[in-house]
Amino acid sequence: MNDTAQDPTQKGRSHFTTIRGLRTHARVYGDGHKEAIVVIPGLGCAAWMYRRIARTLSRWRQVWVYDPPGHGFSAGTLAYPAHIGQLTDHLALWIQANRLAGSPLLGHSLGGEVIIDLAVRYPQLAGPLIACAPTGIPENPNVAAQIIRLTLDLPRERVGLWPYGLASYVRTGPLRFYQLAQDQYNHDTGPLLPLVKSPVLVINGTADPVIRLWTLLEMARSIPGARTVEVAGGTHALTDSRPIEVAMHTLDFLEDLAGR
């Protein structure tokens, strides 16, 4: 990496934007950098679960860790969001409002599906895409299967993540979690893959019980020019269990695109 690394911003700062009447939160790290990257969390996850990857990336980039509506410190309503398309629409408006169009987007888990959706529906807003342990592409597991897989993954995760994950899921609430998980079962992202024009990097962990290998191979086959990389021993929460590896793969990908 050619940019001079800075000491990581340990705490970051909160930034609020009002989108369609909803106060939307993001945690921002690395304000000393001109180039930004946006982190989009998984289902039920909040920005506070992504501190390790944000702090690592903030040595080289300004990092915006976005809280989707109804997640973390972002407002939602009882009925909103209930669909992945609503998550995508809200993210698009938020990117525009914060002048982040064209910035790299790192989507984790469900966030990986959201950035694929965004890249097809709002191509003018999407920069390079990093899909980290992406779910729902192109497989659409039912809610029960999703819960079973997440339960299998939990003992593999860093114990220090558990209280943050619990707080995130409590904040999201069982109704919203179920609505979005059910919509993921109904939402077919597979046909969108060949339509993606942004450069794509897919990162997966070899110890992730949530993701099926065939889905990653299908993504690599269907998205023009997509690249894939495996992180040995990586769990589903790759951004927490392997933040340095994820950051280095991400930055190498972006520098390669920039011709550095």
C-alpha atoms as a PDB file:
ATOM      1  CA  MET A   1       0.000   0.000   0.000  1.00  0.00           C
ATOM      2  CA  ASN A   2       1.451   3.327  -1.074  1.00  0.00           C
ATOM      3  CA  ASP A   3      -0.497   5.684   1.198  1.00  0.00           C
ATOM      4  CA  THR A   4       1.200   6.529   4.471  1.00  0.00           C
ATOM      5  CA  ALA A   5      -0.454   4.612   7.280  1.00  0.00           C
ATOM      6  CA  GLN A   6      -1.777   6.553  10.241  1.00  0.00           C
ATOM      7  CA  ASP A   7      -2.397   5.370  13.757  1.00  0.00           C
ATOM      8  CA  PRO A   8      -5.857   3.805  13.886  1.00  0.00           C
ATOM      9  CA  THR A   9      -8.684   5.953  15.214  1.00  0.00           C
ATOM     10  CA  GLN A  10      -9.760   4.033  18.291  1.00  0.00           C
ATOM     11  CA  LYS A  11     -13.183   5.514  18.992  1.00  0.00           C
ATOM     12  CA  GLY A  12     -14.357   7.133  15.797  1.00  0.00           C
ATOM     13  CA  ARG A  13     -17.222   9.624  15.824  1.00  0.00           C
ATOM     14  CA  SER A  14     -20.957   9.390  15.340  1.00  0.00           C
ATOM     15  CA  HIS A  15     -22.517  10.999  12.282  1.00  0.00           C
ATOM     16  CA  PHE A  16     -26.274  11.368  11.803  1.00  0.00           C
ATOM     17  CA  THR A  17     -28.170  11.994   8.567  1.00  0.00           C
ATOM     18  CA  THR A  18     -31.943  12.300   8.244  1.00  0.00           C
ATOM     19  CA  ILE A  19     -33.213  10.055   5.442  1.00  0.00           C
ATOM     20  CA  ARG A  20     -36.944  10.110   4.714  1.00  0.00           C
ATOM     21  CA  GLY A  21     -37.585  11.380   8.215  1.00  0.00           C
ATOM     22  CA  LEU A  22     -35.452   8.700   9.887  1.00  0.00           C
ATOM     23  CA  ARG A  23     -32.331   9.688  11.811  1.00  0.00           C
ATOM     24  CA  THR A  24     -29.637   7.444  10.362  1.00  0.00           C
ATOM     25  CA  HIS A  25     -26.364   6.761  12.154  1.00  0.00           C
ATOM     26  CA  ALA A  26     -22.878   5.939  10.946  1.00  0.00           C
ATOM     27  CA  ARG A  27     -19.633   5.604  12.873  1.00  0.00           C
ATOM     28  CA  VAL A  28     -16.761   7.361  11.106  1.00  0.00           C
ATOM     29  CA  TYR A  29     -13.091   6.503  11.570  1.00  0.00           C
ATOM     30  CA  GLY A  30      -9.909   7.886  10.001  1.00  0.00           C
ATOM     31  CA  ASP A  31     -10.965  11.462   9.248  1.00  0.00           C
ATOM     32  CA  GLY A  32      -7.448  12.327   8.101  1.00  0.00           C
ATOM     33  CA  HIS A  33      -7.870  10.416   4.836  1.00  0.00           C
ATOM     34  CA  LYS A  34      -9.416  11.666   1.600  1.00  0.00           C
ATOM     35  CA  GLU A  35     -10.462   8.259   0.262  1.00  0.00           C
ATOM     36  CA  ALA A  36     -13.430   6.594   1.965  1.00  0.00           C
ATOM     37  CA  ILE A  37     -14.844   3.108   2.260  1.00  0.00           C
ATOM     38  CA  VAL A  38     -18.340   2.245   3.491  1.00  0.00           C
ATOM     39  CA  VAL A  39     -19.102  -0.833   5.621  1.00  0.00           C
ATOM     40  CA  ILE A  40     -22.648  -2.234   5.372  1.00  0.00           C
ATOM     41  CA  PRO A  41     -23.549  -4.598   8.246  1.00  0.00           C
ATOM     42  CA  GLY A  42     -25.317  -7.924   8.167  1.00  0.00           C
ATOM     43  CA  LEU A  43     -28.847  -8.724   9.319  1.00  0.00           C
ATOM     44  CA  GLY A  44     -29.432  -7.549  12.870  1.00  0.00           C
ATOM     45  CA  CYS A  45     -25.885  -6.209  13.161  1.00  0.00           C
ATOM     46  CA  ALA A  46     -24.892  -2.721  14.278  1.00  0.00           C
ATOM     47  CA  ALA A  47     -21.900  -0.499  13.584  1.00  0.00           C
ATOM     48  CA  TRP A  48     -20.453  -1.301  17.001  1.00  0.00           C
ATOM     49  CA  MET A  49     -19.873  -4.898  15.838  1.00  0.00           C
ATOM     50  CA  TYR A  50     -17.436  -3.693  13.152  1.00  0.00           C
ATOM     51  CA  ARG A  51     -14.973  -1.738  15.264  1.00  0.00           C
ATOM     52  CA  ARG A  52     -12.071  -4.111  14.634  1.00  0.00           C
ATOM     53  CA  ILE A  53     -12.255  -3.933  10.839  1.00  0.00           C
ATOM     54  CA  ALA A  54     -12.986  -0.196  10.942  1.00  0.00           C
ATOM     55  CA  ARG A  55      -9.996   0.548  13.145  1.00  0.00           C
ATOM     56  CA  THR A  56      -7.738  -1.526  10.908  1.00  0.00           C
ATOM     57  CA  LEU A  57      -8.935   0.043   7.650  1.00  0.00           C
ATOM     58  CA  SER A  58      -8.788   3.536   9.189  1.00  0.00           C
ATOM     59  CA  ARG A  59      -5.005   3.410   9.032  1.00  0.00           C
ATOM     60  CA  TRP A  60      -5.320   3.917   5.270  1.00  0.00           C
ATOM     61  CA  ARG A  61      -8.903   5.046   4.573  1.00  0.00           C
ATOM     62  CA  GLN A  62     -11.709   7.046   6.056  1.00  0.00           C
ATOM     63  CA  VAL A  63     -14.213   4.390   7.148  1.00  0.00           C
ATOM     64  CA  TRP A  64     -17.972   4.912   7.381  1.00  0.00           C
ATOM     65  CA  VAL A  65     -19.715   2.085   9.240  1.00  0.00           C
ATOM     66  CA  TYR A  66     -23.372   2.513   8.357  1.00  0.00           C
ATOM     67  CA  ASP A  67     -26.275   1.518  10.593  1.00  0.00           C
ATOM     68  CA  PRO A  68     -29.249   0.433   8.431  1.00  0.00           C
ATOM     69  CA  PRO A  69     -32.653   1.728   9.542  1.00  0.00           C
ATOM     70  CA  GLY A  70     -33.872  -0.076  12.627  1.00  0.00           C
ATOM     71  CA  HIS A  71     -30.336  -1.263  13.417  1.00  0.00           C
ATOM     72  CA  GLY A  72     -27.832   0.142  15.901  1.00  0.00           C
ATOM     73  CA  PHE A  73     -28.428   3.852  16.489  1.00  0.00           C
ATOM     74  CA  SER A  74     -30.510   4.334  13.319  1.00  0.00           C
ATOM     75  CA  ALA A  75     -34.241   4.899  13.630  1.00  0.00           C
ATOM     76  CA  GLY A  76     -36.800   2.645  12.025  1.00  0.00           C
ATOM     77  CA  THR A  77     -40.516   2.022  12.337  1.00  0.00           C
ATOM     78  CA  LEU A  78     -42.535  -1.046  13.233  1.00  0.00           C
ATOM     79  CA  ALA A  79     -43.061  -1.871   9.546  1.00  0.00           C
ATOM     80  CA  TYR A  80     -39.863  -0.405   8.075  1.00  0.00           C
ATOM     81  CA  PRO A  81     -37.591  -1.861   6.927  1.00  0.00           C
ATOM     82  CA  ALA A  82     -39.179  -5.232   6.234  1.00  0.00           C
ATOM     83  CA  HIS A  83     -37.723  -5.883   2.772  1.00  0.00           C
ATOM     84  CA  ILE A  84     -34.222  -6.003   1.310  1.00  0.00           C
ATOM     85  CA  GLY A  85     -35.280  -3.566  -1.407  1.00  0.00           C
ATOM     86  CA  GLN A  86     -36.072  -1.027   1.322  1.00  0.00           C
ATOM     87  CA  LEU A  87     -32.597  -1.490   2.796  1.00  0.00           C
ATOM     88  CA  THR A  88     -31.117  -0.859  -0.649  1.00  0.00           C
ATOM     89  CA  ASP A  89     -33.244   2.247  -1.290  1.00  0.00           C
ATOM     90  CA  HIS A  90     -32.354   3.725   2.094  1.00  0.00           C
ATOM     91  CA  LEU A  91     -28.642   3.043   1.580  1.00  0.00           C
ATOM     92  CA  ALA A  92     -28.794   4.721  -1.845  1.00  0.00           C
ATOM     93  CA  LEU A  93     -30.317   7.878  -0.384  1.00  0.00           C
ATOM     94  CA  TRP A  94     -27.809   7.866   2.471  1.00  0.00           C
ATOM     95  CA  ILE A  95     -24.854   7.538   0.074  1.00  0.00           C
ATOM     96  CA  GLN A  96     -26.149  10.463  -1.950  1.00  0.00           C
ATOM     97  CA  ALA A  97     -26.760  12.606   1.125  1.00  0.00           C
ATOM     98  CA  ASN A  98     -23.210  12.044   2.391  1.00  0.00           C
ATOM     99  CA  ARG A  99     -21.561  12.479  -1.029  1.00  0.00           C
ATOM    100  CA  LEU A 100     -20.078   8.997  -0.957  1.00  0.00           C
ATOM    101  CA  ALA A 101     -21.084   7.946  -4.477  1.00  0.00           C
ATOM    102  CA  GLY A 102     -18.410   5.785  -6.076  1.00  0.00           C
ATOM    103  CA  SER A 103     -16.796   4.828  -2.757  1.00  0.00           C
ATOM    104  CA  PRO A 104     -15.901   1.177  -2.219  1.00  0.00           C
ATOM    105  CA  LEU A 105     -18.638  -0.728  -0.410  1.00  0.00           C
ATOM    106  CA  LEU A 106     -17.797  -3.568   1.964  1.00  0.00           C
ATOM    107  CA  GLY A 107     -20.931  -5.563   2.672  1.00  0.00           C
ATOM    108  CA  HIS A 108     -20.898  -8.287   5.308  1.00  0.00           C
ATOM    109  CA  SER A 109     -23.389 -11.179   5.314  1.00  0.00           C
ATOM    110  CA  LEU A 110     -26.777  -9.693   4.289  1.00  0.00           C
ATOM    111  CA  GLY A 111     -24.879  -6.488   3.573  1.00  0.00           C
ATOM    112  CA  GLY A 112     -23.200  -8.361   0.712  1.00  0.00           C
ATOM    113  CA  GLU A 113     -26.581  -8.986  -0.876  1.00  0.00           C
ATOM    114  CA  VAL A 114     -27.587  -5.350  -0.352  1.00  0.00           C
ATOM    115  CA  ILE A 115     -24.516  -3.994  -2.158  1.00  0.00           C
ATOM    116  CA  ILE A 116     -25.120  -6.349  -5.107  1.00  0.00           C
ATOM    117  CA  ASP A 117     -28.707  -5.083  -5.260  1.00  0.00           C
ATOM    118  CA  LEU A 118     -27.459  -1.493  -5.075  1.00  0.00           C
ATOM    119  CA  ALA A 119     -24.867  -2.000  -7.816  1.00  0.00           C
ATOM    120  CA  VAL A 120     -27.571  -3.160 -10.243  1.00  0.00           C
ATOM    121  CA  ARG A 121     -30.361  -0.784  -9.273  1.00  0.00           C
ATOM    122  CA  TYR A 122     -28.197   2.278  -8.555  1.00  0.00           C
ATOM    123  CA  PRO A 123     -25.010   1.724 -10.585  1.00  0.00           C
ATOM    124  CA  GLN A 124     -24.128   5.423 -10.462  1.00  0.00           C
ATOM    125  CA  LEU A 125     -23.642   5.157  -6.690  1.00  0.00           C
ATOM    126  CA  ALA A 126     -21.651   1.929  -6.406  1.00  0.00           C
ATOM    127  CA  GLY A 127     -17.881   1.815  -6.362  1.00  0.00           C
ATOM    128  CA  PRO A 128     -15.887  -1.407  -6.089  1.00  0.00           C
ATOM    129  CA  LEU A 129     -17.713  -4.067  -4.083  1.00  0.00           C
ATOM    130  CA  ILE A 130     -16.242  -6.267  -1.359  1.00  0.00           C
ATOM    131  CA  ALA A 131     -18.719  -9.009  -0.434  1.00  0.00           C
ATOM    132  CA  CYS A 132     -17.537 -10.492   2.853  1.00  0.00           C
ATOM    133  CA  ALA A 133     -19.217 -13.794   3.800  1.00  0.00           C
ATOM    134  CA  PRO A 134     -22.238 -12.825   1.668  1.00  0.00           C
ATOM    135  CA  THR A 135     -25.548 -14.554   2.370  1.00  0.00           C
ATOM    136  CA  GLY A 136     -28.553 -14.979   0.097  1.00  0.00           C
ATOM    137  CA  ILE A 137     -26.504 -14.998  -3.115  1.00  0.00           C
ATOM    138  CA  PRO A 138     -27.791 -16.960  -4.928  1.00  0.00           C
ATOM    139  CA  GLU A 139     -29.021 -19.360  -2.229  1.00  0.00           C
ATOM    140  CA  ASN A 140     -32.197 -18.375  -0.364  1.00  0.00           C
ATOM    141  CA  PRO A 141     -32.285 -20.417   2.873  1.00  0.00           C
ATOM    142  CA  ASN A 142     -35.470 -20.312   4.921  1.00  0.00           C
ATOM    143  CA  VAL A 143     -35.555 -18.598   8.305  1.00  0.00           C
ATOM    144  CA  ALA A 144     -35.100 -21.829  10.266  1.00  0.00           C
ATOM    145  CA  ALA A 145     -32.016 -22.787   8.235  1.00  0.00           C
ATOM    146  CA  GLN A 146     -30.532 -19.313   8.746  1.00  0.00           C
ATOM    147  CA  ILE A 147     -30.997 -19.538  12.520  1.00  0.00           C
ATOM    148  CA  ILE A 148     -29.516 -23.052  12.689  1.00  0.00           C
ATOM    149  CA  ARG A 149     -26.441 -21.992  10.727  1.00  0.00           C
ATOM    150  CA  LEU A 150     -25.912 -18.892  12.864  1.00  0.00           C
ATOM    151  CA  THR A 151     -26.219 -21.047  15.987  1.00  0.00           C
ATOM    152  CA  LEU A 152     -23.530 -23.381  14.639  1.00  0.00           C
ATOM    153  CA  ASP A 153     -21.298 -20.411  13.970  1.00  0.00           C
ATOM    154  CA  LEU A 154     -21.658 -18.763  17.404  1.00  0.00           C
ATOM    155  CA  PRO A 155     -19.169 -20.987  19.312  1.00  0.00           C
ATOM    156  CA  ARG A 156     -16.567 -20.307  16.625  1.00  0.00           C
ATOM    157  CA  GLU A 157     -16.718 -16.543  17.082  1.00  0.00           C
ATOM    158  CA  ARG A 158     -14.535 -14.469  19.364  1.00  0.00           C
ATOM    159  CA  VAL A 159     -16.117 -14.355  22.836  1.00  0.00           C
ATOM    160  CA  GLY A 160     -15.529 -10.612  22.963  1.00  0.00           C
ATOM    161  CA  LEU A 161     -18.007 -10.177  20.096  1.00  0.00           C
ATOM    162  CA  TRP A 162     -20.860 -11.942  21.876  1.00  0.00           C
ATOM    163  CA  PRO A 163     -22.134  -9.042  24.058  1.00  0.00           C
ATOM    164  CA  TYR A 164     -22.020  -6.653  21.094  1.00  0.00           C
ATOM    165  CA  GLY A 165     -23.875  -9.146  18.922  1.00  0.00           C
ATOM    166  CA  LEU A 166     -26.504  -9.718  21.608  1.00  0.00           C
ATOM    167  CA  ALA A 167     -27.022  -5.972  22.018  1.00  0.00           C
ATOM    168  CA  SER A 168     -27.359  -5.610  18.236  1.00  0.00           C
ATOM    169  CA  TYR A 169     -29.959  -8.357  17.902  1.00  0.00           C
ATOM    170  CA  VAL A 170     -31.957  -7.028  20.866  1.00  0.00           C
ATOM    171  CA  ARG A 171     -31.922  -3.574  19.292  1.00  0.00           C
ATOM    172  CA  THR A 172     -33.130  -4.910  15.942  1.00  0.00           C
ATOM    173  CA  GLY A 173     -35.808  -7.011  17.613  1.00  0.00           C
ATOM    174  CA  PRO A 174     -37.276 -10.389  16.682  1.00  0.00           C
ATOM    175  CA  LEU A 175     -40.002  -8.992  14.414  1.00  0.00           C
ATOM    176  CA  ARG A 176     -37.629  -7.039  12.164  1.00  0.00           C
ATOM    177  CA  PHE A 177     -35.142  -9.890  12.146  1.00  0.00           C
ATOM    178  CA  TYR A 178     -37.860 -12.330  11.061  1.00  0.00           C
ATOM    179  CA  GLN A 179     -39.286  -9.960   8.424  1.00  0.00           C
ATOM    180  CA  LEU A 180     -35.911  -9.364   6.782  1.00  0.00           C
ATOM    181  CA  ALA A 181     -34.840 -13.012   7.052  1.00  0.00           C
ATOM    182  CA  GLN A 182     -38.129 -14.091   5.474  1.00  0.00           C
ATOM    183  CA  ASP A 183     -37.715 -11.531   2.713  1.00  0.00           C
ATOM    184  CA  GLN A 184     -34.218 -12.828   2.052  1.00  0.00           C
ATOM    185  CA  TYR A 185     -35.809 -16.239   1.499  1.00  0.00           C
ATOM    186  CA  ASN A 186     -38.125 -14.674  -1.103  1.00  0.00           C
ATOM    187  CA  HIS A 187     -35.615 -12.232  -2.616  1.00  0.00           C
ATOM    188  CA  ASP A 188     -33.864 -13.707  -5.656  1.00  0.00           C
ATOM    189  CA  THR A 189     -30.517 -12.008  -6.176  1.00  0.00           C
ATOM    190  CA  GLY A 190     -29.115 -14.668  -8.520  1.00  0.00           C
ATOM    191  CA  PRO A 191     -30.478 -13.119 -11.764  1.00  0.00           C
ATOM    192  CA  LEU A 192     -28.825  -9.807 -10.825  1.00  0.00           C
ATOM    193  CA  LEU A 193     -25.286 -11.193 -10.703  1.00  0.00           C
ATOM    194  CA  PRO A 194     -24.492 -10.999 -14.455  1.00  0.00           C
ATOM    195  CA  LEU A 195     -25.740  -7.385 -14.446  1.00  0.00           C
ATOM    196  CA  VAL A 196     -23.162  -6.133 -11.942  1.00  0.00           C
ATOM    197  CA  LYS A 197     -20.759  -3.695 -13.607  1.00  0.00           C
ATOM    198  CA  SER A 198     -18.669  -2.791 -10.544  1.00  0.00           C
ATOM    199  CA  PRO A 199     -15.472  -4.696  -9.757  1.00  0.00           C
ATOM    200  CA  VAL A 200     -16.217  -7.350  -7.133  1.00  0.00           C
ATOM    201  CA  LEU A 201     -14.104  -9.140  -4.544  1.00  0.00           C
ATOM    202  CA  VAL A 202     -15.703 -12.025  -2.624  1.00  0.00           C
ATOM    203  CA  ILE A 203     -14.066 -12.946   0.702  1.00  0.00           C
ATOM    204  CA  ASN A 204     -15.042 -16.065   2.609  1.00  0.00           C
ATOM    205  CA  GLY A 205     -13.755 -17.949   5.627  1.00  0.00           C
ATOM    206  CA  THR A 206     -12.977 -21.651   5.564  1.00  0.00           C
ATOM    207  CA  ALA A 207     -14.619 -22.151   9.011  1.00  0.00           C
ATOM    208  CA  ASP A 208     -17.909 -20.432   8.134  1.00  0.00           C
ATOM    209  CA  PRO A 209     -20.912 -22.782   8.547  1.00  0.00           C
ATOM    210  CA  VAL A 210     -23.363 -20.152   7.300  1.00  0.00           C
ATOM    211  CA  ILE A 211     -22.096 -19.906   3.714  1.00  0.00           C
ATOM    212  CA  ARG A 212     -22.128 -22.796   1.248  1.00  0.00           C
ATOM    213  CA  LEU A 213     -19.093 -23.072  -1.026  1.00  0.00           C
ATOM    214  CA  TRP A 214     -21.210 -23.554  -4.151  1.00  0.00           C
ATOM    215  CA  THR A 215     -22.807 -20.132  -3.647  1.00  0.00           C
ATOM    216  CA  LEU A 216     -19.399 -18.441  -3.706  1.00  0.00           C
ATOM    217  CA  LEU A 217     -18.387 -20.363  -6.809  1.00  0.00           C
ATOM    218  CA  GLU A 218     -21.644 -19.334  -8.470  1.00  0.00           C
ATOM    219  CA  MET A 219     -20.996 -15.676  -7.612  1.00  0.00           C
ATOM    220  CA  ALA A 220     -17.514 -15.892  -9.102  1.00  0.00           C
ATOM    221  CA  ARG A 221     -18.897 -17.554 -12.235  1.00  0.00           C
ATOM    222  CA  SER A 222     -21.841 -15.209 -12.730  1.00  0.00           C
ATOM    223  CA  ILE A 223     -20.356 -11.788 -11.924  1.00  0.00           C
ATOM    224  CA  PRO A 224     -18.114 -10.573 -14.753  1.00  0.00           C
ATOM    225  CA  GLY A 225     -14.510 -10.394 -13.581  1.00  0.00           C
ATOM    226  CA  ALA A 226     -15.279 -11.235  -9.951  1.00  0.00           C
ATOM    227  CA  ARG A 227     -12.384 -12.262  -7.758  1.00  0.00           C
ATOM    228  CA  THR A 228     -12.521 -14.598  -4.764  1.00  0.00           C
ATOM    229  CA  VAL A 229     -10.224 -15.149  -1.817  1.00  0.00           C
ATOM    230  CA  GLU A 230     -10.391 -17.533   1.150  1.00  0.00           C
ATOM    231  CA  VAL A 231      -9.302 -16.690   4.685  1.00  0.00           C
ATOM    232  CA  ALA A 232      -8.058 -19.788   6.477  1.00  0.00           C
ATOM    233  CA  GLY A 233      -9.969 -20.415   9.673  1.00  0.00           C
ATOM    234  CA  GLY A 234     -12.257 -17.449   9.065  1.00  0.00           C
ATOM    235  CA  THR A 235     -15.700 -17.584  10.690  1.00  0.00           C
ATOM    236  CA  HIS A 236     -18.904 -15.963   9.461  1.00  0.00           C
ATOM    237  CA  ALA A 237     -18.026 -12.762  11.349  1.00  0.00           C
ATOM    238  CA  LEU A 238     -14.859 -12.448   9.275  1.00  0.00           C
ATOM    239  CA  THR A 239     -14.637  -8.709   9.854  1.00  0.00           C
ATOM    240  CA  ASP A 240     -14.222  -9.387  13.580  1.00  0.00           C
ATOM    241  CA  SER A 241     -12.372 -12.705  13.693  1.00  0.00           C
ATOM    242  CA  ARG A 242      -9.925 -11.860  10.891  1.00  0.00           C
ATOM    243  CA  PRO A 243      -9.922  -8.037  10.558  1.00  0.00           C
ATOM    244  CA  ILE A 244      -6.312  -7.746   9.411  1.00  0.00           C
ATOM    245  CA  GLU A 245      -6.685 -10.338   6.651  1.00  0.00           C
ATOM    246  CA  VAL A 246      -9.959  -8.837   5.445  1.00  0.00           C
ATOM    247  CA  ALA A 247      -8.475  -5.343   5.458  1.00  0.00           C
ATOM    248  CA  MET A 248      -5.332  -6.393   3.598  1.00  0.00           C
ATOM    249  CA  HIS A 249      -7.278  -8.292   0.921  1.00  0.00           C
ATOM    250  CA  THR A 250      -9.604  -5.307   0.549  1.00  0.00           C
ATOM    251  CA  LEU A 251      -6.816  -2.747   0.263  1.00  0.00           C
ATOM    252  CA  ASP A 252      -4.798  -4.908  -2.139  1.00  0.00           C
ATOM    253  CA  PHE A 253      -7.907  -5.250  -4.322  1.00  0.00           C
ATOM    254  CA  LEU A 254      -8.502  -1.486  -4.339  1.00  0.00           C
ATOM    255  CA  GLU A 255      -4.864  -0.663  -5.039  1.00  0.00           C
ATOM    256  CA  ASP A 256      -4.801  -3.162  -7.883  1.00  0.00           C
ATOM    257  CA  LEU A 257      -7.849  -1.462  -9.403  1.00  0.00           C
ATOM    258  CA  ALA A 258      -6.144   1.907  -9.029  1.00  0.00           C
ATOM    259  CA  GLY A 259      -3.015   0.596 -10.740  1.00  0.00           C
ATOM    260  CA  ARG A 260      -0.766   1.325  -7.793  1.00  0.00           C
END
